[in-house]
Amino acid sequence: MSETLIDKAATQKRWIGVAVLDWASPALASFYPTDVPQDWQLTWYANWCMAVVLPSSRWLAADAAVCAQWSEQTQDNFWFYLFCESSEQLKQAAQLAPAFNGKCAGLIVAQDAAVELCSIPVLRLGDSVLFCHADGLRMARAQIDAWLKDFTGEHGLIMLDGQIVSQIKEVQTLLELMGVLS
């Protein structure tokens, strides 16, 4: 039986993950070897990263079969987060989450979004989720340090977007050196 996110959180005082906003981001073009076909990119990505944030444009266009296929393309300890831009999307995402076969770790909403009782964890941008869009490692380090000073939760996520996405491996190494990831 694979370890769930809840099991992992129960055995650790604080759990913080790192993910990219969409494994098909153009900023990741240099991340994939040229001989990796586009339909294998999720599997390749999942070998290097432990989670991905799906933008609403991607998960809204997917049905349960596609979500299950994405789940099958990743290892047991890989997590999907669904980014929601409205309360309506939050409801839709909560309905779609079971299609990920236990690999949907949470929904991400804006800080001011209204959240009803939900059966899946809801993380808020700026609070539980750092939206890191730095231009380099120094700027990323500064953003992460500032966020960590205010972070008091047990489940957090550092979501990479923009130019820093191309440095995903370096960011993970930085986070390990900072003691954020183990």
Protein backbone atom coordinates (compact mmCIF):
# COMPACT_ATOMS: atom_id res chain seq x y z
CA MET A 1 0.00 0.00 0.00
CA SER A 2 1.37 3.41 -0.92
CA GLU A 3 1.82 6.22 1.56
CA THR A 4 -0.84 8.90 1.17
CA LEU A 5 -0.31 12.60 1.64
CA ILE A 6 -2.33 12.41 4.86
CA ASP A 7 -0.09 9.59 6.16
CA LYS A 8 2.99 11.59 5.25
CA ALA A 9 1.66 14.70 6.98
CA ALA A 10 0.78 12.69 10.09
CA THR A 11 4.35 11.44 10.47
CA GLN A 12 6.03 14.79 9.92
CA LYS A 13 5.67 18.07 11.75
CA ARG A 14 5.63 20.11 8.54
CA TRP A 15 5.40 19.05 4.92
CA ILE A 16 6.30 21.42 2.10
CA GLY A 17 6.41 20.35 -1.52
CA VAL A 18 7.59 21.97 -4.72
CA ALA A 19 5.74 21.88 -8.01
CA VAL A 20 5.60 23.57 -11.38
CA LEU A 21 2.51 25.22 -12.78
CA ASP A 22 1.83 22.73 -15.61
CA TRP A 23 4.36 20.14 -16.75
CA ALA A 24 3.74 21.33 -20.33
CA SER A 25 4.83 24.90 -19.55
CA PRO A 26 6.86 26.41 -22.41
CA ALA A 27 9.43 27.43 -19.77
CA LEU A 28 10.18 23.69 -19.29
CA ALA A 29 11.16 23.16 -22.92
CA SER A 30 14.85 22.77 -22.05
CA PHE A 31 14.00 20.50 -19.10
CA TYR A 32 12.98 17.63 -21.37
CA PRO A 33 15.52 15.81 -23.54
CA THR A 34 14.79 16.32 -27.22
CA ASP A 35 14.04 12.61 -27.68
CA VAL A 36 11.24 12.56 -25.05
CA PRO A 37 7.90 12.62 -26.91
CA GLN A 38 5.30 15.09 -25.67
CA ASP A 39 3.02 12.31 -24.40
CA TRP A 40 5.86 11.03 -22.16
CA GLN A 41 6.65 14.42 -20.63
CA LEU A 42 4.46 13.92 -17.55
CA THR A 43 6.22 10.65 -16.73
CA TRP A 44 9.64 12.27 -17.25
CA TYR A 45 8.62 15.25 -15.11
CA ALA A 46 7.31 12.96 -12.35
CA ASN A 47 10.71 11.28 -12.14
CA TRP A 48 12.22 14.62 -11.09
CA CYS A 49 9.41 16.31 -9.20
CA MET A 50 6.95 15.18 -6.58
CA ALA A 51 3.96 17.28 -7.65
CA VAL A 52 2.42 19.39 -10.37
CA VAL A 53 -0.14 22.18 -10.27
CA LEU A 54 -2.69 21.91 -13.05
CA PRO A 55 -3.97 25.27 -14.29
CA SER A 56 -7.74 25.48 -14.62
CA SER A 57 -7.46 25.53 -18.42
CA ARG A 58 -5.91 22.05 -18.32
CA TRP A 59 -8.07 20.28 -15.73
CA LEU A 60 -11.33 21.85 -16.97
CA ALA A 61 -10.63 20.38 -20.42
CA ALA A 62 -9.99 16.91 -18.98
CA ASP A 63 -12.52 14.23 -18.17
CA ALA A 64 -12.23 11.49 -15.55
CA ALA A 65 -10.54 9.10 -18.01
CA VAL A 66 -7.80 11.63 -18.82
CA CYS A 67 -7.22 12.36 -15.12
CA ALA A 68 -6.95 8.62 -14.42
CA GLN A 69 -4.47 8.30 -17.28
CA TRP A 70 -2.34 11.12 -15.86
CA SER A 71 -2.43 9.36 -12.50
CA GLU A 72 -1.26 6.09 -14.09
CA GLN A 73 1.67 7.87 -15.76
CA THR A 74 3.14 8.86 -12.39
CA GLN A 75 4.61 7.00 -9.41
CA ASP A 76 2.62 6.36 -6.22
CA ASN A 77 4.10 9.29 -4.30
CA PHE A 78 3.35 11.91 -6.97
CA TRP A 79 0.69 14.55 -6.30
CA PHE A 80 -1.63 16.67 -8.43
CA TYR A 81 -2.95 20.04 -7.26
CA LEU A 82 -5.81 21.73 -9.11
CA PHE A 83 -5.60 25.51 -9.42
CA CYS A 84 -9.02 27.15 -9.07
CA GLU A 85 -9.73 30.71 -10.10
CA SER A 86 -13.25 30.96 -8.67
CA SER A 87 -15.59 29.38 -6.15
CA GLU A 88 -17.41 27.67 -9.02
CA GLN A 89 -14.16 26.09 -10.21
CA LEU A 90 -13.49 24.96 -6.65
CA LYS A 91 -16.74 22.97 -6.72
CA GLN A 92 -15.89 21.50 -10.13
CA ALA A 93 -12.37 20.57 -9.00
CA ALA A 94 -13.69 18.85 -5.87
CA GLN A 95 -15.94 16.72 -8.09
CA LEU A 96 -13.06 15.85 -10.46
CA ALA A 97 -10.49 15.11 -7.72
CA PRO A 98 -11.49 11.43 -7.20
CA ALA A 99 -10.63 10.74 -10.86
CA PHE A 100 -6.94 11.10 -9.89
CA ASN A 101 -7.17 7.83 -7.92
CA GLY A 102 -5.99 9.25 -4.61
CA LYS A 103 -3.26 11.43 -6.12
CA CYS A 104 -5.08 14.77 -5.97
CA ALA A 105 -3.41 16.32 -2.93
CA GLY A 106 -5.42 19.51 -2.86
CA LEU A 107 -7.07 22.46 -4.49
CA ILE A 108 -5.39 25.85 -4.69
CA VAL A 109 -7.44 29.04 -4.46
CA ALA A 110 -6.80 32.77 -4.26
CA GLN A 111 -6.41 34.22 -0.77
CA ASP A 112 -9.83 35.93 -0.88
CA ALA A 113 -11.85 33.08 -2.41
CA ALA A 114 -14.84 31.80 -0.48
CA VAL A 115 -14.34 28.16 0.46
CA GLU A 116 -17.13 25.87 1.56
CA LEU A 117 -16.53 22.67 3.47
CA CYS A 118 -14.61 20.42 1.12
CA SER A 119 -13.53 16.78 1.37
CA ILE A 120 -10.10 17.59 -0.07
CA PRO A 121 -7.47 20.00 1.34
CA VAL A 122 -7.79 23.57 0.09
CA LEU A 123 -4.59 25.61 0.04
CA ARG A 124 -4.57 29.38 -0.31
CA LEU A 125 -2.15 31.38 -2.44
CA GLY A 126 0.15 33.45 -0.27
CA ASP A 127 -0.73 31.49 2.85
CA SER A 128 -0.21 27.77 2.21
CA VAL A 129 1.11 28.25 -1.34
CA LEU A 130 4.01 30.41 -2.42
CA PHE A 131 3.65 31.45 -6.06
CA CYS A 132 7.35 31.74 -6.88
CA HIS A 133 7.98 33.52 -10.16
CA ALA A 134 11.53 34.66 -9.59
CA ASP A 135 14.01 35.51 -12.34
CA GLY A 136 16.77 33.44 -10.74
CA LEU A 137 17.88 31.45 -7.73
CA ARG A 138 18.81 34.49 -5.61
CA MET A 139 15.38 36.01 -6.08
CA ALA A 140 13.73 32.61 -5.48
CA ARG A 141 15.68 32.23 -2.24
CA ALA A 142 14.51 35.66 -1.07
CA GLN A 143 10.87 34.87 -1.92
CA ILE A 144 11.06 31.48 -0.19
CA ASP A 145 12.74 32.92 2.92
CA ALA A 146 10.08 35.65 3.21
CA TRP A 147 7.25 33.13 2.80
CA LEU A 148 8.74 30.66 5.29
CA LYS A 149 8.91 33.39 7.98
CA ASP A 150 5.11 33.68 7.88
CA PHE A 151 4.25 30.06 7.09
CA THR A 152 2.72 28.36 10.12
CA GLY A 153 0.79 25.54 8.45
CA GLU A 154 1.59 21.87 8.25
CA HIS A 155 1.00 21.46 4.49
CA GLY A 156 2.54 23.95 2.10
CA LEU A 157 3.51 24.13 -1.54
CA ILE A 158 6.04 26.19 -3.44
CA MET A 159 4.60 26.62 -6.94
CA LEU A 160 7.12 27.63 -9.59
CA ASP A 161 6.18 29.65 -12.66
CA GLY A 162 7.92 31.92 -15.14
CA GLN A 163 11.67 31.84 -15.76
CA ILE A 164 12.47 29.97 -12.54
CA VAL A 165 10.65 26.89 -13.92
CA SER A 166 13.62 26.16 -16.18
CA GLN A 167 15.73 25.84 -13.01
CA ILE A 168 13.47 23.31 -11.25
CA LYS A 169 16.34 20.95 -10.39
CA GLU A 170 18.41 23.81 -8.96
CA VAL A 171 15.45 25.09 -6.93
CA GLN A 172 14.94 21.63 -5.43
CA THR A 173 18.63 21.46 -4.50
CA LEU A 174 18.36 24.94 -2.96
CA LEU A 175 15.33 23.83 -0.92
CA GLU A 176 17.17 20.73 0.29
CA LEU A 177 20.14 22.86 1.36
CA MET A 178 17.76 25.23 3.16
CA GLY A 179 16.26 22.25 5.01
CA VAL A 180 12.82 22.76 3.45
CA LEU A 181 12.83 19.47 1.52
CA SER A 182 14.35 16.25 2.78
